[in-house]
C-alpha atoms as a PDB file:
ATOM      1  CA  UNK A   1     -35.994 -43.425  53.263  1.00  0.00           C
ATOM      2  CA  UNK A   2     -33.660 -45.645  51.269  1.00  0.00           C
ATOM      3  CA  UNK A   3     -31.731 -48.206  53.281  1.00  0.00           C
ATOM      4  CA  UNK A   4     -28.217 -48.795  51.982  1.00  0.00           C
ATOM      5  CA  UNK A   5     -26.517 -52.121  52.589  1.00  0.00           C
ATOM      6  CA  UNK A   6     -22.745 -52.366  52.547  1.00  0.00           C
ATOM      7  CA  UNK A   7     -21.408 -55.071  50.243  1.00  0.00           C
ATOM      8  CA  UNK A   8     -17.935 -56.024  49.120  1.00  0.00           C
ATOM      9  CA  UNK A   9     -16.804 -55.401  45.553  1.00  0.00           C
ATOM     10  CA  UNK A  10     -17.127 -59.078  44.610  1.00  0.00           C
ATOM     11  CA  UNK A  11     -20.196 -59.952  46.691  1.00  0.00           C
ATOM     12  CA  UNK A  12     -21.954 -62.932  45.147  1.00  0.00           C
ATOM     13  CA  UNK A  13     -19.270 -63.421  42.502  1.00  0.00           C
ATOM     14  CA  UNK A  14     -16.560 -65.305  44.376  1.00  0.00           C
ATOM     15  CA  UNK A  15     -15.052 -67.748  45.118  1.00  0.00           C
ATOM     16  CA  UNK A  16     -14.646 -69.676  41.862  1.00  0.00           C
ATOM     17  CA  UNK A  17     -12.369 -72.674  41.327  1.00  0.00           C
ATOM     18  CA  UNK A  18     -11.420 -74.729  38.304  1.00  0.00           C
ATOM     19  CA  UNK A  19      -8.902 -77.572  38.274  1.00  0.00           C
ATOM     20  CA  UNK A  20      -7.000 -76.463  41.351  1.00  0.00           C
ATOM     21  CA  UNK A  21      -6.919 -72.717  40.618  1.00  0.00           C
ATOM     22  CA  UNK A  22      -9.061 -70.513  42.871  1.00  0.00           C
ATOM     23  CA  UNK A  23     -10.096 -66.891  42.607  1.00  0.00           C
ATOM     24  CA  UNK A  24     -11.341 -65.540  45.935  1.00  0.00           C
ATOM     25  CA  UNK A  25     -12.013 -62.141  47.423  1.00  0.00           C
ATOM     26  CA  UNK A  26      -9.526 -60.895  49.996  1.00  0.00           C
ATOM     27  CA  UNK A  27     -10.697 -59.782  53.413  1.00  0.00           C
ATOM     28  CA  UNK A  28     -11.443 -56.080  53.566  1.00  0.00           C
ATOM     29  CA  UNK A  29      -8.623 -53.929  54.871  1.00  0.00           C
ATOM     30  CA  UNK A  30      -7.964 -50.215  54.955  1.00  0.00           C
ATOM     31  CA  UNK A  31      -6.203 -48.908  51.833  1.00  0.00           C
ATOM     32  CA  UNK A  32      -4.557 -45.495  52.027  1.00  0.00           C
ATOM     33  CA  UNK A  33      -2.843 -43.853  49.076  1.00  0.00           C
ATOM     34  CA  UNK A  34       0.316 -42.054  50.138  1.00  0.00           C
ATOM     35  CA  UNK A  35       2.498 -39.613  48.181  1.00  0.00           C
ATOM     36  CA  UNK A  36       5.342 -38.042  50.190  1.00  0.00           C
ATOM     37  CA  UNK A  37       5.910 -34.331  49.658  1.00  0.00           C
ATOM     38  CA  UNK A  38       9.092 -33.370  47.784  1.00  0.00           C
ATOM     39  CA  UNK A  39      12.127 -34.115  49.924  1.00  0.00           C
ATOM     40  CA  UNK A  40      10.101 -35.826  52.677  1.00  0.00           C
ATOM     41  CA  UNK A  41      10.560 -39.473  51.632  1.00  0.00           C
ATOM     42  CA  UNK A  42      13.100 -40.260  54.364  1.00  0.00           C
ATOM     43  CA  UNK A  43      10.995 -38.635  57.115  1.00  0.00           C
ATOM     44  CA  UNK A  44       7.855 -40.425  55.893  1.00  0.00           C
ATOM     45  CA  UNK A  45       9.654 -43.770  55.744  1.00  0.00           C
ATOM     46  CA  UNK A  46      10.988 -43.309  59.299  1.00  0.00           C
ATOM     47  CA  UNK A  47       7.532 -42.379  60.628  1.00  0.00           C
ATOM     48  CA  UNK A  48       5.981 -45.409  58.909  1.00  0.00           C
ATOM     49  CA  UNK A  49       8.614 -47.725  60.395  1.00  0.00           C
ATOM     50  CA  UNK A  50       7.602 -46.516  63.860  1.00  0.00           C
ATOM     51  CA  UNK A  51       3.852 -46.728  63.201  1.00  0.00           C
ATOM     52  CA  UNK A  52       3.535 -49.837  61.027  1.00  0.00           C
ATOM     53  CA  UNK A  53       6.882 -51.569  61.266  1.00  0.00           C
ATOM     54  CA  UNK A  54       7.733 -51.032  57.591  1.00  0.00           C
ATOM     55  CA  UNK A  55       9.154 -48.132  55.617  1.00  0.00           C
ATOM     56  CA  UNK A  56       8.738 -47.109  52.005  1.00  0.00           C
ATOM     57  CA  UNK A  57       9.665 -49.959  49.630  1.00  0.00           C
ATOM     58  CA  UNK A  58      11.801 -49.770  46.508  1.00  0.00           C
ATOM     59  CA  UNK A  59      10.080 -49.491  43.125  1.00  0.00           C
ATOM     60  CA  UNK A  60       8.224 -52.674  42.234  1.00  0.00           C
ATOM     61  CA  UNK A  61       8.243 -54.069  45.775  1.00  0.00           C
ATOM     62  CA  UNK A  62       6.230 -54.297  48.968  1.00  0.00           C
ATOM     63  CA  UNK A  63       7.285 -54.375  52.590  1.00  0.00           C
ATOM     64  CA  UNK A  64       5.131 -56.042  55.229  1.00  0.00           C
ATOM     65  CA  UNK A  65       5.296 -54.978  58.851  1.00  0.00           C
ATOM     66  CA  UNK A  66       3.529 -56.259  61.958  1.00  0.00           C
ATOM     67  CA  UNK A  67       0.795 -53.599  61.669  1.00  0.00           C
ATOM     68  CA  UNK A  68       0.368 -53.277  57.907  1.00  0.00           C
ATOM     69  CA  UNK A  69       1.881 -53.527  54.471  1.00  0.00           C
ATOM     70  CA  UNK A  70       3.245 -50.807  52.188  1.00  0.00           C
ATOM     71  CA  UNK A  71       3.395 -51.351  48.455  1.00  0.00           C
ATOM     72  CA  UNK A  72       4.813 -49.304  45.624  1.00  0.00           C
ATOM     73  CA  UNK A  73       2.158 -48.192  43.148  1.00  0.00           C
ATOM     74  CA  UNK A  74       4.110 -45.772  40.957  1.00  0.00           C
ATOM     75  CA  UNK A  75       6.843 -43.184  41.078  1.00  0.00           C
ATOM     76  CA  UNK A  76       6.540 -41.485  44.463  1.00  0.00           C
ATOM     77  CA  UNK A  77       3.236 -43.271  45.167  1.00  0.00           C
ATOM     78  CA  UNK A  78       2.428 -46.023  47.644  1.00  0.00           C
ATOM     79  CA  UNK A  79      -0.523 -47.859  49.129  1.00  0.00           C
ATOM     80  CA  UNK A  80      -0.620 -48.605  52.837  1.00  0.00           C
ATOM     81  CA  UNK A  81      -2.735 -51.694  53.522  1.00  0.00           C
ATOM     82  CA  UNK A  82      -4.019 -51.857  57.085  1.00  0.00           C
ATOM     83  CA  UNK A  83      -2.466 -49.985  59.952  1.00  0.00           C
ATOM     84  CA  UNK A  84      -3.161 -46.551  61.352  1.00  0.00           C
ATOM     85  CA  UNK A  85      -1.116 -43.743  59.870  1.00  0.00           C
ATOM     86  CA  UNK A  86       0.424 -40.986  61.963  1.00  0.00           C
ATOM     87  CA  UNK A  87       0.531 -37.406  60.723  1.00  0.00           C
ATOM     88  CA  UNK A  88       2.912 -37.498  57.752  1.00  0.00           C
ATOM     89  CA  UNK A  89       4.573 -35.056  55.376  1.00  0.00           C
ATOM     90  CA  UNK A  90       2.582 -36.627  52.564  1.00  0.00           C
ATOM     91  CA  UNK A  91      -0.659 -36.412  50.665  1.00  0.00           C
ATOM     92  CA  UNK A  92      -2.947 -39.247  51.789  1.00  0.00           C
ATOM     93  CA  UNK A  93      -6.381 -40.378  50.639  1.00  0.00           C
ATOM     94  CA  UNK A  94      -8.618 -43.218  51.787  1.00  0.00           C
ATOM     95  CA  UNK A  95      -8.959 -45.697  48.910  1.00  0.00           C
ATOM     96  CA  UNK A  96     -10.597 -48.523  50.862  1.00  0.00           C
ATOM     97  CA  UNK A  97     -13.870 -48.641  48.921  1.00  0.00           C
ATOM     98  CA  UNK A  98     -12.313 -47.863  45.538  1.00  0.00           C
ATOM     99  CA  UNK A  99     -10.632 -51.217  44.861  1.00  0.00           C
ATOM    100  CA  UNK A 100     -11.662 -54.818  44.295  1.00  0.00           C
ATOM    101  CA  UNK A 101      -8.991 -57.059  45.848  1.00  0.00           C
ATOM    102  CA  UNK A 102      -8.814 -60.746  44.972  1.00  0.00           C
ATOM    103  CA  UNK A 103      -6.363 -63.620  45.312  1.00  0.00           C
ATOM    104  CA  UNK A 104      -5.568 -65.936  42.396  1.00  0.00           C
ATOM    105  CA  UNK A 105      -4.090 -69.105  43.860  1.00  0.00           C
ATOM    106  CA  UNK A 106      -3.025 -72.503  42.675  1.00  0.00           C
ATOM    107  CA  UNK A 107      -0.278 -74.221  40.715  1.00  0.00           C
ATOM    108  CA  UNK A 108      -1.401 -72.757  37.372  1.00  0.00           C
ATOM    109  CA  UNK A 109      -2.153 -69.199  38.542  1.00  0.00           C
ATOM    110  CA  UNK A 110       0.753 -67.934  36.402  1.00  0.00           C
ATOM    111  CA  UNK A 111      -0.719 -69.669  33.353  1.00  0.00           C
ATOM    112  CA  UNK A 112      -4.035 -67.899  33.919  1.00  0.00           C
ATOM    113  CA  UNK A 113      -2.393 -64.482  34.207  1.00  0.00           C
ATOM    114  CA  UNK A 114      -0.179 -65.166  31.171  1.00  0.00           C
ATOM    115  CA  UNK A 115      -3.313 -65.061  29.024  1.00  0.00           C
ATOM    116  CA  UNK A 116      -4.593 -61.787  30.490  1.00  0.00           C
ATOM    117  CA  UNK A 117      -1.531 -59.691  31.310  1.00  0.00           C
ATOM    118  CA  UNK A 118       1.236 -58.382  29.007  1.00  0.00           C
ATOM    119  CA  UNK A 119       3.873 -58.869  31.742  1.00  0.00           C
ATOM    120  CA  UNK A 120       5.735 -62.095  32.428  1.00  0.00           C
ATOM    121  CA  UNK A 121       4.093 -62.510  35.829  1.00  0.00           C
ATOM    122  CA  UNK A 122       5.600 -65.990  36.124  1.00  0.00           C
ATOM    123  CA  UNK A 123       9.011 -64.312  36.494  1.00  0.00           C
ATOM    124  CA  UNK A 124       7.850 -62.189  39.438  1.00  0.00           C
ATOM    125  CA  UNK A 125       9.366 -63.013  42.827  1.00  0.00           C
ATOM    126  CA  UNK A 126       7.411 -63.067  46.066  1.00  0.00           C
ATOM    127  CA  UNK A 127       6.893 -59.475  47.207  1.00  0.00           C
ATOM    128  CA  UNK A 128       7.124 -57.997  43.696  1.00  0.00           C
ATOM    129  CA  UNK A 129       4.470 -55.436  42.724  1.00  0.00           C
ATOM    130  CA  UNK A 130       3.583 -54.385  39.178  1.00  0.00           C
ATOM    131  CA  UNK A 131       1.209 -51.873  37.621  1.00  0.00           C
ATOM    132  CA  UNK A 132      -0.114 -53.358  34.408  1.00  0.00           C
ATOM    133  CA  UNK A 133      -3.247 -54.537  32.651  1.00  0.00           C
ATOM    134  CA  UNK A 134      -5.455 -57.529  33.264  1.00  0.00           C
ATOM    135  CA  UNK A 135      -7.468 -57.780  30.094  1.00  0.00           C
ATOM    136  CA  UNK A 136      -8.283 -54.142  29.427  1.00  0.00           C
ATOM    137  CA  UNK A 137      -8.328 -53.116  33.107  1.00  0.00           C
ATOM    138  CA  UNK A 138      -5.649 -51.155  34.910  1.00  0.00           C
ATOM    139  CA  UNK A 139      -4.419 -53.321  37.764  1.00  0.00           C
ATOM    140  CA  UNK A 140      -1.957 -53.752  40.586  1.00  0.00           C
ATOM    141  CA  UNK A 141      -0.450 -57.247  40.673  1.00  0.00           C
ATOM    142  CA  UNK A 142       1.262 -58.517  43.820  1.00  0.00           C
ATOM    143  CA  UNK A 143       3.228 -61.775  43.795  1.00  0.00           C
ATOM    144  CA  UNK A 144       2.609 -63.970  46.833  1.00  0.00           C
ATOM    145  CA  UNK A 145       4.160 -67.346  47.662  1.00  0.00           C
ATOM    146  CA  UNK A 146       1.029 -69.231  46.629  1.00  0.00           C
ATOM    147  CA  UNK A 147      -0.174 -67.028  43.769  1.00  0.00           C
ATOM    148  CA  UNK A 148      -1.105 -63.406  43.191  1.00  0.00           C
ATOM    149  CA  UNK A 149      -3.160 -60.658  44.754  1.00  0.00           C
ATOM    150  CA  UNK A 150      -4.920 -58.610  42.091  1.00  0.00           C
ATOM    151  CA  UNK A 151      -6.362 -55.143  42.589  1.00  0.00           C
ATOM    152  CA  UNK A 152      -8.614 -53.403  40.059  1.00  0.00           C
ATOM    153  CA  UNK A 153     -10.987 -50.478  40.365  1.00  0.00           C
ATOM    154  CA  UNK A 154     -14.142 -51.532  42.182  1.00  0.00           C
ATOM    155  CA  UNK A 155     -16.295 -50.766  39.152  1.00  0.00           C
ATOM    156  CA  UNK A 156     -14.367 -53.467  37.242  1.00  0.00           C
ATOM    157  CA  UNK A 157     -14.930 -56.283  39.780  1.00  0.00           C
ATOM    158  CA  UNK A 158     -17.517 -58.177  37.724  1.00  0.00           C
ATOM    159  CA  UNK A 159     -15.374 -57.871  34.584  1.00  0.00           C
ATOM    160  CA  UNK A 160     -12.278 -59.102  36.422  1.00  0.00           C
ATOM    161  CA  UNK A 161     -14.082 -62.170  37.735  1.00  0.00           C
ATOM    162  CA  UNK A 162     -15.596 -62.890  34.309  1.00  0.00           C
ATOM    163  CA  UNK A 163     -12.291 -62.608  32.433  1.00  0.00           C
ATOM    164  CA  UNK A 164     -10.251 -64.626  34.933  1.00  0.00           C
ATOM    165  CA  UNK A 165     -12.893 -67.338  35.213  1.00  0.00           C
ATOM    166  CA  UNK A 166     -13.188 -67.586  31.416  1.00  0.00           C
ATOM    167  CA  UNK A 167      -9.437 -68.255  31.174  1.00  0.00           C
ATOM    168  CA  UNK A 168      -9.598 -70.739  34.069  1.00  0.00           C
ATOM    169  CA  UNK A 169     -12.370 -72.683  32.289  1.00  0.00           C
ATOM    170  CA  UNK A 170     -10.500 -72.578  28.988  1.00  0.00           C
ATOM    171  CA  UNK A 171      -7.309 -73.953  30.503  1.00  0.00           C
ATOM    172  CA  UNK A 172      -9.258 -76.631  32.361  1.00  0.00           C
ATOM    173  CA  UNK A 173     -10.942 -77.652  29.094  1.00  0.00           C
ATOM    174  CA  UNK A 174      -7.535 -77.906  27.431  1.00  0.00           C
ATOM    175  CA  UNK A 175      -6.423 -80.124  30.334  1.00  0.00           C
ATOM    176  CA  UNK A 176      -3.548 -77.770  31.083  1.00  0.00           C
ATOM    177  CA  UNK A 177      -4.556 -77.216  34.708  1.00  0.00           C
END
């Protein structure tokens, strides 16, 4: 019988640091995709406020509550990070094992992303969420006070680490970090 061992998406790859910029894996948390049924957005938001302490955010934003965080991921689509969901008038799917979630932190984190992402991530405010590309990978980018949380499909974890670390090394070599 084959014995399977659970590992994180970036097991053995992270953390990496270069000249004050660090890429590290985020602690595992439940990720649930949520898409309210037509006309049910208000009811879903109210139920989430009771259960998690946060309702549905505006486009391009996240709302953190005491029991979880809800982030916008597209028109009529959200991710709930952490928390236990009540029965909702929404389509939900468990996405926990489908994503690699990392934090890019440090004073030059924006400079690193500027070389990999077509968005001006340096202009993002804390709590902003964007769907874009990192290199050639579809990604969710979340602005935090000390950097960014990056989410890519789990199968792209090694590529994400490689591309971000390559830029970190390049900037360090240019003495820009």
